[in-house]
Amino acid sequence: LAKGLKLVALTKGVDPTDSLVFREGDSLKSLPPFSKIATSSERRE
């Protein structure tokens, strides 16, 4: 953290998982080959 700052609380939070969102009617199985998935995270990719 920046010098002079401190974490004073970390909330319990909500669901920590990642989700892959599709258009209505689509699914991971139904997407054709070479469909484009958007993410800026190597881990999520």
PDB file of all heavy atoms in Angstrom:
ATOM      1  N   LEU A   1       0.835  -1.185   0.000  1.00  0.00           N
ATOM      2  CA  LEU A   1       0.000   0.000   0.000  1.00  0.00           C
ATOM      3  C   LEU A   1       0.879   1.246   0.000  1.00  0.00           C
ATOM      4  O   LEU A   1       2.045   1.202   0.418  1.00  0.00           O
ATOM      5  CB  LEU A   1      -0.897   0.018   1.243  1.00  0.00           C
ATOM      6  CG  LEU A   1      -1.928  -1.105   1.381  1.00  0.00           C
ATOM      7  CD1 LEU A   1      -2.661  -0.962   2.714  1.00  0.00           C
ATOM      8  CD2 LEU A   1      -2.905  -1.100   0.232  1.00  0.00           C
ATOM      9  N   ALA A   2       0.324   2.357  -0.464  1.00  0.00           N
ATOM     10  CA  ALA A   2       1.066   3.610  -0.457  1.00  0.00           C
ATOM     11  C   ALA A   2       1.512   3.948   0.961  1.00  0.00           C
ATOM     12  O   ALA A   2       0.773   3.727   1.926  1.00  0.00           O
ATOM     13  CB  ALA A   2       0.206   4.736  -1.034  1.00  0.00           C
ATOM     14  N   LYS A   3       2.723   4.476   1.090  1.00  0.00           N
ATOM     15  CA  LYS A   3       3.254   4.832   2.400  1.00  0.00           C
ATOM     16  C   LYS A   3       2.337   5.844   3.076  1.00  0.00           C
ATOM     17  O   LYS A   3       1.943   6.842   2.480  1.00  0.00           O
ATOM     18  CB  LYS A   3       4.660   5.415   2.258  1.00  0.00           C
ATOM     19  CG  LYS A   3       5.353   5.673   3.579  1.00  0.00           C
ATOM     20  CD  LYS A   3       6.772   6.155   3.376  1.00  0.00           C
ATOM     21  CE  LYS A   3       7.462   6.398   4.711  1.00  0.00           C
ATOM     22  NZ  LYS A   3       8.863   6.890   4.512  1.00  0.00           N
ATOM     23  N   GLY A   4       1.994   5.563   4.314  1.00  0.00           N
ATOM     24  CA  GLY A   4       1.112   6.443   5.059  1.00  0.00           C
ATOM     25  C   GLY A   4      -0.321   5.965   5.106  1.00  0.00           C
ATOM     26  O   GLY A   4      -1.137   6.552   5.823  1.00  0.00           O
ATOM     27  N   LEU A   5      -0.641   4.892   4.366  1.00  0.00           N
ATOM     28  CA  LEU A   5      -2.002   4.354   4.345  1.00  0.00           C
ATOM     29  C   LEU A   5      -2.037   2.956   4.964  1.00  0.00           C
ATOM     30  O   LEU A   5      -1.035   2.239   4.956  1.00  0.00           O
ATOM     31  CB  LEU A   5      -2.536   4.294   2.916  1.00  0.00           C
ATOM     32  CG  LEU A   5      -2.664   5.627   2.176  1.00  0.00           C
ATOM     33  CD1 LEU A   5      -3.208   5.394   0.771  1.00  0.00           C
ATOM     34  CD2 LEU A   5      -3.537   6.612   2.946  1.00  0.00           C
ATOM     35  N   LYS A   6      -3.211   2.579   5.464  1.00  0.00           N
ATOM     36  CA  LYS A   6      -3.357   1.295   6.129  1.00  0.00           C
ATOM     37  C   LYS A   6      -4.734   0.721   5.842  1.00  0.00           C
ATOM     38  O   LYS A   6      -5.723   1.451   5.764  1.00  0.00           O
ATOM     39  CB  LYS A   6      -3.201   1.486   7.644  1.00  0.00           C
ATOM     40  CG  LYS A   6      -3.373   0.221   8.473  1.00  0.00           C
ATOM     41  CD  LYS A   6      -3.208   0.504   9.951  1.00  0.00           C
ATOM     42  CE  LYS A   6      -3.378  -0.769  10.788  1.00  0.00           C
ATOM     43  NZ  LYS A   6      -3.179  -0.514  12.233  1.00  0.00           N
ATOM     44  N   LEU A   7      -4.786  -0.593   5.662  1.00  0.00           N
ATOM     45  CA  LEU A   7      -6.069  -1.276   5.557  1.00  0.00           C
ATOM     46  C   LEU A   7      -6.674  -1.384   6.955  1.00  0.00           C
ATOM     47  O   LEU A   7      -6.075  -1.967   7.849  1.00  0.00           O
ATOM     48  CB  LEU A   7      -5.881  -2.668   4.972  1.00  0.00           C
ATOM     49  CG  LEU A   7      -7.165  -3.489   4.856  1.00  0.00           C
ATOM     50  CD1 LEU A   7      -7.917  -3.141   3.590  1.00  0.00           C
ATOM     51  CD2 LEU A   7      -6.873  -4.978   4.884  1.00  0.00           C
ATOM     52  N   VAL A   8      -7.889  -0.820   7.132  1.00  0.00           N
ATOM     53  CA  VAL A   8      -8.514  -0.886   8.455  1.00  0.00           C
ATOM     54  C   VAL A   8      -9.645  -1.904   8.504  1.00  0.00           C
ATOM     55  O   VAL A   8     -10.083  -2.289   9.589  1.00  0.00           O
ATOM     56  CB  VAL A   8      -9.019   0.499   8.912  1.00  0.00           C
ATOM     57  CG1 VAL A   8      -7.847   1.444   9.113  1.00  0.00           C
ATOM     58  CG2 VAL A   8     -10.028   1.084   7.937  1.00  0.00           C
ATOM     59  N   ALA A   9     -10.128  -2.336   7.334  1.00  0.00           N
ATOM     60  CA  ALA A   9     -11.153  -3.381   7.334  1.00  0.00           C
ATOM     61  C   ALA A   9     -11.194  -4.063   5.981  1.00  0.00           C
ATOM     62  O   ALA A   9     -10.969  -3.442   4.934  1.00  0.00           O
ATOM     63  CB  ALA A   9     -12.528  -2.810   7.670  1.00  0.00           C
ATOM     64  N   LEU A  10     -11.483  -5.347   6.031  1.00  0.00           N
ATOM     65  CA  LEU A  10     -11.683  -6.163   4.844  1.00  0.00           C
ATOM     66  C   LEU A  10     -13.038  -6.840   5.019  1.00  0.00           C
ATOM     67  O   LEU A  10     -13.218  -7.633   5.943  1.00  0.00           O
ATOM     68  CB  LEU A  10     -10.570  -7.203   4.730  1.00  0.00           C
ATOM     69  CG  LEU A  10     -10.552  -8.115   3.509  1.00  0.00           C
ATOM     70  CD1 LEU A  10     -10.231  -7.316   2.252  1.00  0.00           C
ATOM     71  CD2 LEU A  10      -9.535  -9.234   3.696  1.00  0.00           C
ATOM     72  N   THR A  11     -14.008  -6.503   4.172  1.00  0.00           N
ATOM     73  CA  THR A  11     -15.360  -7.031   4.366  1.00  0.00           C
ATOM     74  C   THR A  11     -15.413  -8.528   4.068  1.00  0.00           C
ATOM     75  O   THR A  11     -14.551  -9.074   3.389  1.00  0.00           O
ATOM     76  CB  THR A  11     -16.382  -6.306   3.482  1.00  0.00           C
ATOM     77  OG1 THR A  11     -16.167  -6.678   2.109  1.00  0.00           O
ATOM     78  CG2 THR A  11     -16.289  -4.802   3.641  1.00  0.00           C
ATOM     79  N   LYS A  12     -16.466  -9.157   4.563  1.00  0.00           N
ATOM     80  CA  LYS A  12     -16.633 -10.591   4.292  1.00  0.00           C
ATOM     81  C   LYS A  12     -16.900 -10.836   2.816  1.00  0.00           C
ATOM     82  O   LYS A  12     -16.603 -11.900   2.285  1.00  0.00           O
ATOM     83  CB  LYS A  12     -17.758 -11.166   5.149  1.00  0.00           C
ATOM     84  CG  LYS A  12     -19.136 -10.625   4.860  1.00  0.00           C
ATOM     85  CD  LYS A  12     -20.171 -11.250   5.793  1.00  0.00           C
ATOM     86  CE  LYS A  12     -21.592 -10.770   5.492  1.00  0.00           C
ATOM     87  NZ  LYS A  12     -21.762  -9.317   5.693  1.00  0.00           N
ATOM     88  N   GLY A  13     -17.490  -9.844   2.134  1.00  0.00           N
ATOM     89  CA  GLY A  13     -17.672  -9.914   0.694  1.00  0.00           C
ATOM     90  C   GLY A  13     -18.812 -10.804   0.250  1.00  0.00           C
ATOM     91  O   GLY A  13     -19.614 -11.287   1.053  1.00  0.00           O
ATOM     92  N   VAL A  14     -18.863 -11.011  -1.056  1.00  0.00           N
ATOM     93  CA  VAL A  14     -19.879 -11.871  -1.663  1.00  0.00           C
ATOM     94  C   VAL A  14     -19.168 -12.907  -2.536  1.00  0.00           C
ATOM     95  O   VAL A  14     -17.945 -12.969  -2.557  1.00  0.00           O
ATOM     96  CB  VAL A  14     -20.893 -11.038  -2.487  1.00  0.00           C
ATOM     97  CG1 VAL A  14     -21.672 -10.096  -1.580  1.00  0.00           C
ATOM     98  CG2 VAL A  14     -20.205 -10.239  -3.598  1.00  0.00           C
ATOM     99  N   ASP A  15     -19.941 -13.686  -3.262  1.00  0.00           N
ATOM    100  CA  ASP A  15     -19.449 -14.810  -4.066  1.00  0.00           C
ATOM    101  C   ASP A  15     -18.138 -14.472  -4.798  1.00  0.00           C
ATOM    102  O   ASP A  15     -18.095 -13.556  -5.616  1.00  0.00           O
ATOM    103  CB  ASP A  15     -20.535 -15.172  -5.092  1.00  0.00           C
ATOM    104  CG  ASP A  15     -20.278 -16.507  -5.771  1.00  0.00           C
ATOM    105  OD1 ASP A  15     -19.112 -16.888  -5.937  1.00  0.00           O
ATOM    106  OD2 ASP A  15     -21.264 -17.165  -6.163  1.00  0.00           O
ATOM    107  N   PRO A  16     -17.053 -15.190  -4.530  1.00  0.00           N
ATOM    108  CA  PRO A  16     -15.756 -14.861  -5.126  1.00  0.00           C
ATOM    109  C   PRO A  16     -15.488 -15.507  -6.485  1.00  0.00           C
ATOM    110  O   PRO A  16     -14.400 -15.337  -7.044  1.00  0.00           O
ATOM    111  CB  PRO A  16     -14.761 -15.393  -4.089  1.00  0.00           C
ATOM    112  CG  PRO A  16     -15.458 -16.607  -3.544  1.00  0.00           C
ATOM    113  CD  PRO A  16     -16.927 -16.249  -3.500  1.00  0.00           C
ATOM    114  N   THR A  17     -16.447 -16.241  -7.026  1.00  0.00           N
ATOM    115  CA  THR A  17     -16.186 -16.989  -8.247  1.00  0.00           C
ATOM    116  C   THR A  17     -16.200 -16.086  -9.485  1.00  0.00           C
ATOM    117  O   THR A  17     -16.608 -14.932  -9.446  1.00  0.00           O
ATOM    118  CB  THR A  17     -17.220 -18.116  -8.439  1.00  0.00           C
ATOM    119  OG1 THR A  17     -18.534 -17.544  -8.464  1.00  0.00           O
ATOM    120  CG2 THR A  17     -17.133 -19.126  -7.314  1.00  0.00           C
ATOM    121  N   ASP A  18     -15.729 -16.645 -10.594  1.00  0.00           N
ATOM    122  CA  ASP A  18     -15.788 -15.987 -11.897  1.00  0.00           C
ATOM    123  C   ASP A  18     -16.900 -16.611 -12.716  1.00  0.00           C
ATOM    124  O   ASP A  18     -17.153 -17.818 -12.629  1.00  0.00           O
ATOM    125  CB  ASP A  18     -14.467 -16.168 -12.657  1.00  0.00           C
ATOM    126  CG  ASP A  18     -13.337 -15.361 -12.046  1.00  0.00           C
ATOM    127  OD1 ASP A  18     -13.480 -14.137 -11.949  1.00  0.00           O
ATOM    128  OD2 ASP A  18     -12.306 -15.956 -11.676  1.00  0.00           O
ATOM    129  N   SER A  19     -17.557 -15.794 -13.540  1.00  0.00           N
ATOM    130  CA  SER A  19     -18.624 -16.295 -14.407  1.00  0.00           C
ATOM    131  C   SER A  19     -18.336 -15.941 -15.855  1.00  0.00           C
ATOM    132  O   SER A  19     -17.790 -14.877 -16.153  1.00  0.00           O
ATOM    133  CB  SER A  19     -19.978 -15.704 -14.004  1.00  0.00           C
ATOM    134  OG  SER A  19     -20.421 -16.247 -12.779  1.00  0.00           O
ATOM    135  N   LEU A  20     -18.702 -16.851 -16.743  1.00  0.00           N
ATOM    136  CA  LEU A  20     -18.624 -16.615 -18.183  1.00  0.00           C
ATOM    137  C   LEU A  20     -20.030 -16.303 -18.658  1.00  0.00           C
ATOM    138  O   LEU A  20     -20.929 -17.133 -18.566  1.00  0.00           O
ATOM    139  CB  LEU A  20     -18.066 -17.855 -18.889  1.00  0.00           C
ATOM    140  CG  LEU A  20     -17.967 -17.811 -20.408  1.00  0.00           C
ATOM    141  CD1 LEU A  20     -17.167 -16.605 -20.889  1.00  0.00           C
ATOM    142  CD2 LEU A  20     -17.337 -19.106 -20.937  1.00  0.00           C
ATOM    143  N   VAL A  21     -20.215 -15.067 -19.137  1.00  0.00           N
ATOM    144  CA  VAL A  21     -21.540 -14.583 -19.529  1.00  0.00           C
ATOM    145  C   VAL A  21     -21.716 -14.743 -21.036  1.00  0.00           C
ATOM    146  O   VAL A  21     -20.823 -14.399 -21.824  1.00  0.00           O
ATOM    147  CB  VAL A  21     -21.727 -13.109 -19.126  1.00  0.00           C
ATOM    148  CG1 VAL A  21     -23.144 -12.633 -19.460  1.00  0.00           C
ATOM    149  CG2 VAL A  21     -21.443 -12.926 -17.630  1.00  0.00           C
ATOM    150  N   PHE A  22     -22.888 -15.257 -21.435  1.00  0.00           N
ATOM    151  CA  PHE A  22     -23.233 -15.456 -22.848  1.00  0.00           C
ATOM    152  C   PHE A  22     -24.461 -14.634 -23.206  1.00  0.00           C
ATOM    153  O   PHE A  22     -25.196 -14.162 -22.335  1.00  0.00           O
ATOM    154  CB  PHE A  22     -23.575 -16.936 -23.122  1.00  0.00           C
ATOM    155  CG  PHE A  22     -22.546 -17.920 -22.664  1.00  0.00           C
ATOM    156  CD1 PHE A  22     -22.719 -18.622 -21.468  1.00  0.00           C
ATOM    157  CD2 PHE A  22     -21.416 -18.171 -23.415  1.00  0.00           C
ATOM    158  CE1 PHE A  22     -21.786 -19.548 -21.047  1.00  0.00           C
ATOM    159  CE2 PHE A  22     -20.477 -19.102 -22.999  1.00  0.00           C
ATOM    160  CZ  PHE A  22     -20.666 -19.790 -21.810  1.00  0.00           C
ATOM    161  N   ARG A  23     -24.710 -14.524 -24.506  1.00  0.00           N
ATOM    162  CA  ARG A  23     -26.005 -14.014 -24.941  1.00  0.00           C
ATOM    163  C   ARG A  23     -27.077 -15.064 -24.648  1.00  0.00           C
ATOM    164  O   ARG A  23     -26.780 -16.254 -24.545  1.00  0.00           O
ATOM    165  CB  ARG A  23     -25.967 -13.675 -26.441  1.00  0.00           C
ATOM    166  CG  ARG A  23     -25.126 -12.443 -26.771  1.00  0.00           C
ATOM    167  CD  ARG A  23     -25.179 -12.108 -28.248  1.00  0.00           C
ATOM    168  NE  ARG A  23     -24.497 -13.117 -29.050  1.00  0.00           N
ATOM    169  CZ  ARG A  23     -23.190 -13.107 -29.326  1.00  0.00           C
ATOM    170  NH1 ARG A  23     -22.424 -12.128 -28.861  1.00  0.00           N
ATOM    171  NH2 ARG A  23     -22.643 -14.056 -30.057  1.00  0.00           N
ATOM    172  N   GLU A  24     -28.308 -14.625 -24.553  1.00  0.00           N
ATOM    173  CA  GLU A  24     -29.410 -15.534 -24.260  1.00  0.00           C
ATOM    174  C   GLU A  24     -29.475 -16.640 -25.319  1.00  0.00           C
ATOM    175  O   GLU A  24     -29.404 -16.376 -26.521  1.00  0.00           O
ATOM    176  CB  GLU A  24     -30.736 -14.771 -24.220  1.00  0.00           C
ATOM    177  CG  GLU A  24     -31.865 -15.536 -23.582  1.00  0.00           C
ATOM    178  CD  GLU A  24     -31.604 -15.870 -22.123  1.00  0.00           C
ATOM    179  OE1 GLU A  24     -30.996 -15.038 -21.409  1.00  0.00           O
ATOM    180  OE2 GLU A  24     -32.010 -16.969 -21.696  1.00  0.00           O
ATOM    181  N   GLY A  25     -29.591 -17.887 -24.876  1.00  0.00           N
ATOM    182  CA  GLY A  25     -29.676 -19.023 -25.784  1.00  0.00           C
ATOM    183  C   GLY A  25     -28.351 -19.691 -26.066  1.00  0.00           C
ATOM    184  O   GLY A  25     -28.325 -20.821 -26.563  1.00  0.00           O
ATOM    185  N   ASP A  26     -27.245 -19.017 -25.773  1.00  0.00           N
ATOM    186  CA  ASP A  26     -25.919 -19.598 -26.001  1.00  0.00           C
ATOM    187  C   ASP A  26     -25.447 -20.350 -24.765  1.00  0.00           C
ATOM    188  O   ASP A  26     -25.951 -20.158 -23.653  1.00  0.00           O
ATOM    189  CB  ASP A  26     -24.902 -18.508 -26.346  1.00  0.00           C
ATOM    190  CG  ASP A  26     -25.072 -17.948 -27.749  1.00  0.00           C
ATOM    191  OD1 ASP A  26     -25.772 -18.601 -28.559  1.00  0.00           O
ATOM    192  OD2 ASP A  26     -24.530 -16.869 -28.031  1.00  0.00           O
ATOM    193  N   SER A  27     -24.464 -21.194 -24.970  1.00  0.00           N
ATOM    194  CA  SER A  27     -23.806 -21.886 -23.868  1.00  0.00           C
ATOM    195  C   SER A  27     -22.387 -22.193 -24.311  1.00  0.00           C
ATOM    196  O   SER A  27     -22.055 -22.057 -25.498  1.00  0.00           O
ATOM    197  CB  SER A  27     -24.534 -23.196 -23.523  1.00  0.00           C
ATOM    198  OG  SER A  27     -24.416 -24.135 -24.588  1.00  0.00           O
ATOM    199  N   LEU A  28     -21.566 -22.627 -23.387  1.00  0.00           N
ATOM    200  CA  LEU A  28     -20.186 -22.968 -23.748  1.00  0.00           C
ATOM    201  C   LEU A  28     -20.171 -24.084 -24.785  1.00  0.00           C
ATOM    202  O   LEU A  28     -19.371 -24.074 -25.717  1.00  0.00           O
ATOM    203  CB  LEU A  28     -19.406 -23.382 -22.499  1.00  0.00           C
ATOM    204  CG  LEU A  28     -17.914 -23.640 -22.709  1.00  0.00           C
ATOM    205  CD1 LEU A  28     -17.198 -22.374 -23.158  1.00  0.00           C
ATOM    206  CD2 LEU A  28     -17.278 -24.175 -21.422  1.00  0.00           C
ATOM    207  N   LYS A  29     -21.089 -25.029 -24.638  1.00  0.00           N
ATOM    208  CA  LYS A  29     -21.143 -26.158 -25.571  1.00  0.00           C
ATOM    209  C   LYS A  29     -21.626 -25.735 -26.951  1.00  0.00           C
ATOM    210  O   LYS A  29     -21.156 -26.258 -27.973  1.00  0.00           O
ATOM    211  CB  LYS A  29     -22.055 -27.245 -25.005  1.00  0.00           C
ATOM    212  CG  LYS A  29     -22.109 -28.517 -25.834  1.00  0.00           C
ATOM    213  CD  LYS A  29     -22.963 -29.575 -25.166  1.00  0.00           C
ATOM    214  CE  LYS A  29     -23.016 -30.857 -25.985  1.00  0.00           C
ATOM    215  NZ  LYS A  29     -23.837 -31.900 -25.319  1.00  0.00           N
ATOM    216  N   SER A  30     -22.531 -24.768 -27.018  1.00  0.00           N
ATOM    217  CA  SER A  30     -23.134 -24.404 -28.299  1.00  0.00           C
ATOM    218  C   SER A  30     -22.298 -23.426 -29.129  1.00  0.00           C
ATOM    219  O   SER A  30     -22.538 -23.264 -30.324  1.00  0.00           O
ATOM    220  CB  SER A  30     -24.525 -23.794 -28.077  1.00  0.00           C
ATOM    221  OG  SER A  30     -24.434 -22.503 -27.500  1.00  0.00           O
ATOM    222  N   LEU A  31     -21.333 -22.764 -28.505  1.00  0.00           N
ATOM    223  CA  LEU A  31     -20.539 -21.800 -29.266  1.00  0.00           C
ATOM    224  C   LEU A  31     -19.758 -22.514 -30.370  1.00  0.00           C
ATOM    225  O   LEU A  31     -19.153 -23.563 -30.136  1.00  0.00           O
ATOM    226  CB  LEU A  31     -19.554 -21.078 -28.345  1.00  0.00           C
ATOM    227  CG  LEU A  31     -20.128 -20.105 -27.310  1.00  0.00           C
ATOM    228  CD1 LEU A  31     -18.989 -19.474 -26.513  1.00  0.00           C
ATOM    229  CD2 LEU A  31     -20.975 -19.026 -27.967  1.00  0.00           C
ATOM    230  N   PRO A  32     -19.733 -21.948 -31.574  1.00  0.00           N
ATOM    231  CA  PRO A  32     -18.959 -22.565 -32.651  1.00  0.00           C
ATOM    232  C   PRO A  32     -17.466 -22.440 -32.396  1.00  0.00           C
ATOM    233  O   PRO A  32     -17.040 -21.607 -31.589  1.00  0.00           O
ATOM    234  CB  PRO A  32     -19.378 -21.771 -33.892  1.00  0.00           C
ATOM    235  CG  PRO A  32     -19.892 -20.482 -33.375  1.00  0.00           C
ATOM    236  CD  PRO A  32     -20.482 -20.772 -32.033  1.00  0.00           C
ATOM    237  N   PRO A  33     -16.646 -23.270 -33.060  1.00  0.00           N
ATOM    238  CA  PRO A  33     -15.199 -23.157 -32.900  1.00  0.00           C
ATOM    239  C   PRO A  33     -14.718 -21.748 -33.213  1.00  0.00           C
ATOM    240  O   PRO A  33     -15.283 -21.057 -34.054  1.00  0.00           O
ATOM    241  CB  PRO A  33     -14.654 -24.171 -33.920  1.00  0.00           C
ATOM    242  CG  PRO A  33     -15.763 -25.156 -34.086  1.00  0.00           C
ATOM    243  CD  PRO A  33     -17.034 -24.371 -33.967  1.00  0.00           C
ATOM    244  N   PHE A  34     -13.686 -21.320 -32.519  1.00  0.00           N
ATOM    245  CA  PHE A  34     -13.034 -20.025 -32.713  1.00  0.00           C
ATOM    246  C   PHE A  34     -13.921 -18.848 -32.301  1.00  0.00           C
ATOM    247  O   PHE A  34     -13.690 -17.713 -32.717  1.00  0.00           O
ATOM    248  CB  PHE A  34     -12.554 -19.861 -34.163  1.00  0.00           C
ATOM    249  CG  PHE A  34     -11.762 -21.032 -34.668  1.00  0.00           C
ATOM    250  CD1 PHE A  34     -12.232 -21.825 -35.700  1.00  0.00           C
ATOM    251  CD2 PHE A  34     -10.554 -21.385 -34.057  1.00  0.00           C
ATOM    252  CE1 PHE A  34     -11.518 -22.922 -36.148  1.00  0.00           C
ATOM    253  CE2 PHE A  34      -9.832 -22.483 -34.501  1.00  0.00           C
ATOM    254  CZ  PHE A  34     -10.315 -23.259 -35.541  1.00  0.00           C
ATOM    255  N   SER A  35     -14.918 -19.118 -31.498  1.00  0.00           N
ATOM    256  CA  SER A  35     -15.686 -18.013 -30.917  1.00  0.00           C
ATOM    257  C   SER A  35     -14.772 -17.192 -30.015  1.00  0.00           C
ATOM    258  O   SER A  35     -13.806 -17.696 -29.436  1.00  0.00           O
ATOM    259  CB  SER A  35     -16.865 -18.555 -30.113  1.00  0.00           C
ATOM    260  OG  SER A  35     -17.808 -19.167 -30.965  1.00  0.00           O
ATOM    261  N   LYS A  36     -15.099 -15.912 -29.868  1.00  0.00           N
ATOM    262  CA  LYS A  36     -14.246 -14.990 -29.119  1.00  0.00           C
ATOM    263  C   LYS A  36     -14.746 -14.836 -27.681  1.00  0.00           C
ATOM    264  O   LYS A  36     -15.911 -14.520 -27.451  1.00  0.00           O
ATOM    265  CB  LYS A  36     -14.223 -13.622 -29.793  1.00  0.00           C
ATOM    266  CG  LYS A  36     -13.501 -13.593 -31.131  1.00  0.00           C
ATOM    267  CD  LYS A  36     -13.488 -12.179 -31.691  1.00  0.00           C
ATOM    268  CE  LYS A  36     -12.761 -12.132 -33.035  1.00  0.00           C
ATOM    269  NZ  LYS A  36     -12.760 -10.758 -33.590  1.00  0.00           N
ATOM    270  N   ILE A  37     -13.830 -15.051 -26.752  1.00  0.00           N
ATOM    271  CA  ILE A  37     -14.105 -14.857 -25.332  1.00  0.00           C
ATOM    272  C   ILE A  37     -13.272 -13.683 -24.846  1.00  0.00           C
ATOM    273  O   ILE A  37     -12.063 -13.626 -25.075  1.00  0.00           O
ATOM    274  CB  ILE A  37     -13.769 -16.112 -24.502  1.00  0.00           C
ATOM    275  CG1 ILE A  37     -14.520 -17.326 -25.058  1.00  0.00           C
ATOM    276  CG2 ILE A  37     -14.083 -15.876 -23.040  1.00  0.00           C
ATOM    277  CD1 ILE A  37     -16.022 -17.214 -25.011  1.00  0.00           C
ATOM    278  N   ALA A  38     -13.904 -12.735 -24.185  1.00  0.00           N
ATOM    279  CA  ALA A  38     -13.222 -11.516 -23.740  1.00  0.00           C
ATOM    280  C   ALA A  38     -12.822 -11.623 -22.274  1.00  0.00           C
ATOM    281  O   ALA A  38     -13.651 -11.918 -21.412  1.00  0.00           O
ATOM    282  CB  ALA A  38     -14.125 -10.306 -23.950  1.00  0.00           C
ATOM    283  N   THR A  39     -11.560 -11.398 -22.009  1.00  0.00           N
ATOM    284  CA  THR A  39     -11.038 -11.319 -20.645  1.00  0.00           C
ATOM    285  C   THR A  39      -9.661 -10.683 -20.700  1.00  0.00           C
ATOM    286  O   THR A  39      -8.915 -10.887 -21.659  1.00  0.00           O
ATOM    287  CB  THR A  39     -10.941 -12.690 -19.967  1.00  0.00           C
ATOM    288  OG1 THR A  39     -10.329 -12.526 -18.676  1.00  0.00           O
ATOM    289  CG2 THR A  39     -10.137 -13.680 -20.777  1.00  0.00           C
ATOM    290  N   SER A  40      -9.323  -9.904 -19.687  1.00  0.00           N
ATOM    291  CA  SER A  40      -7.986  -9.314 -19.611  1.00  0.00           C
ATOM    292  C   SER A  40      -7.123 -10.027 -18.577  1.00  0.00           C
ATOM    293  O   SER A  40      -6.114  -9.494 -18.137  1.00  0.00           O
ATOM    294  CB  SER A  40      -8.093  -7.820 -19.266  1.00  0.00           C
ATOM    295  OG  SER A  40      -8.664  -7.098 -20.335  1.00  0.00           O
ATOM    296  N   SER A  41      -7.529 -11.224 -18.207  1.00  0.00           N
ATOM    297  CA  SER A  41      -6.820 -11.989 -17.183  1.00  0.00           C
ATOM    298  C   SER A  41      -6.307 -13.299 -17.758  1.00  0.00           C
ATOM    299  O   SER A  41      -7.075 -14.101 -18.292  1.00  0.00           O
ATOM    300  CB  SER A  41      -7.767 -12.274 -16.012  1.00  0.00           C
ATOM    301  OG  SER A  41      -7.271 -13.303 -15.191  1.00  0.00           O
ATOM    302  N   GLU A  42      -5.007 -13.542 -17.626  1.00  0.00           N
ATOM    303  CA  GLU A  42      -4.434 -14.812 -18.067  1.00  0.00           C
ATOM    304  C   GLU A  42      -5.018 -15.971 -17.263  1.00  0.00           C
ATOM    305  O   GLU A  42      -5.273 -17.046 -17.804  1.00  0.00           O
ATOM    306  CB  GLU A  42      -2.914 -14.776 -17.913  1.00  0.00           C
ATOM    307  CG  GLU A  42      -2.219 -13.857 -18.902  1.00  0.00           C
ATOM    308  CD  GLU A  42      -0.711 -13.893 -18.768  1.00  0.00           C
ATOM    309  OE1 GLU A  42      -0.222 -14.550 -17.818  1.00  0.00           O
ATOM    310  OE2 GLU A  42      -0.027 -13.280 -19.598  1.00  0.00           O
ATOM    311  N   ARG A  43      -5.234 -15.741 -15.968  1.00  0.00           N
ATOM    312  CA  ARG A  43      -5.799 -16.786 -15.118  1.00  0.00           C
ATOM    313  C   ARG A  43      -7.191 -17.180 -15.592  1.00  0.00           C
ATOM    314  O   ARG A  43      -7.509 -18.367 -15.719  1.00  0.00           O
ATOM    315  CB  ARG A  43      -5.850 -16.293 -13.658  1.00  0.00           C
ATOM    316  CG  ARG A  43      -6.527 -17.254 -12.693  1.00  0.00           C
ATOM    317  CD  ARG A  43      -6.704 -16.609 -11.329  1.00  0.00           C
ATOM    318  NE  ARG A  43      -7.450 -15.368 -11.407  1.00  0.00           N
ATOM    319  CZ  ARG A  43      -8.770 -15.293 -11.500  1.00  0.00           C
ATOM    320  NH1 ARG A  43      -9.493 -16.401 -11.542  1.00  0.00           N
ATOM    321  NH2 ARG A  43      -9.372 -14.128 -11.552  1.00  0.00           N
ATOM    322  N   ARG A  44      -8.033 -16.184 -15.887  1.00  0.00           N
ATOM    323  CA  ARG A  44      -9.382 -16.481 -16.360  1.00  0.00           C
ATOM    324  C   ARG A  44      -9.354 -17.142 -17.732  1.00  0.00           C
ATOM    325  O   ARG A  44     -10.151 -18.035 -18.012  1.00  0.00           O
ATOM    326  CB  ARG A  44     -10.207 -15.195 -16.394  1.00  0.00           C
ATOM    327  CG  ARG A  44     -10.586 -14.675 -15.023  1.00  0.00           C
ATOM    328  CD  ARG A  44     -11.221 -13.308 -15.090  1.00  0.00           C
ATOM    329  NE  ARG A  44     -11.831 -12.918 -13.828  1.00  0.00           N
ATOM    330  CZ  ARG A  44     -12.350 -11.724 -13.587  1.00  0.00           C
ATOM    331  NH1 ARG A  44     -12.320 -10.797 -14.527  1.00  0.00           N
ATOM    332  NH2 ARG A  44     -12.900 -11.450 -12.415  1.00  0.00           N
ATOM    333  N   GLU A  45      -8.446 -16.709 -18.578  1.00  0.00           N
ATOM    334  CA  GLU A  45      -8.328 -17.338 -19.894  1.00  0.00           C
ATOM    335  C   GLU A  45      -8.007 -18.820 -19.751  1.00  0.00           C
ATOM    336  O   GLU A  45      -8.615 -19.668 -20.439  1.00  0.00           O
ATOM    337  CB  GLU A  45      -7.246 -16.652 -20.722  1.00  0.00           C
ATOM    338  CG  GLU A  45      -7.033 -17.295 -22.076  1.00  0.00           C
ATOM    339  CD  GLU A  45      -5.979 -16.597 -22.919  1.00  0.00           C
ATOM    340  OE1 GLU A  45      -5.869 -15.368 -22.824  1.00  0.00           O
ATOM    341  OE2 GLU A  45      -5.275 -17.288 -23.681  1.00  0.00           O
TER     342      GLU A  45
END
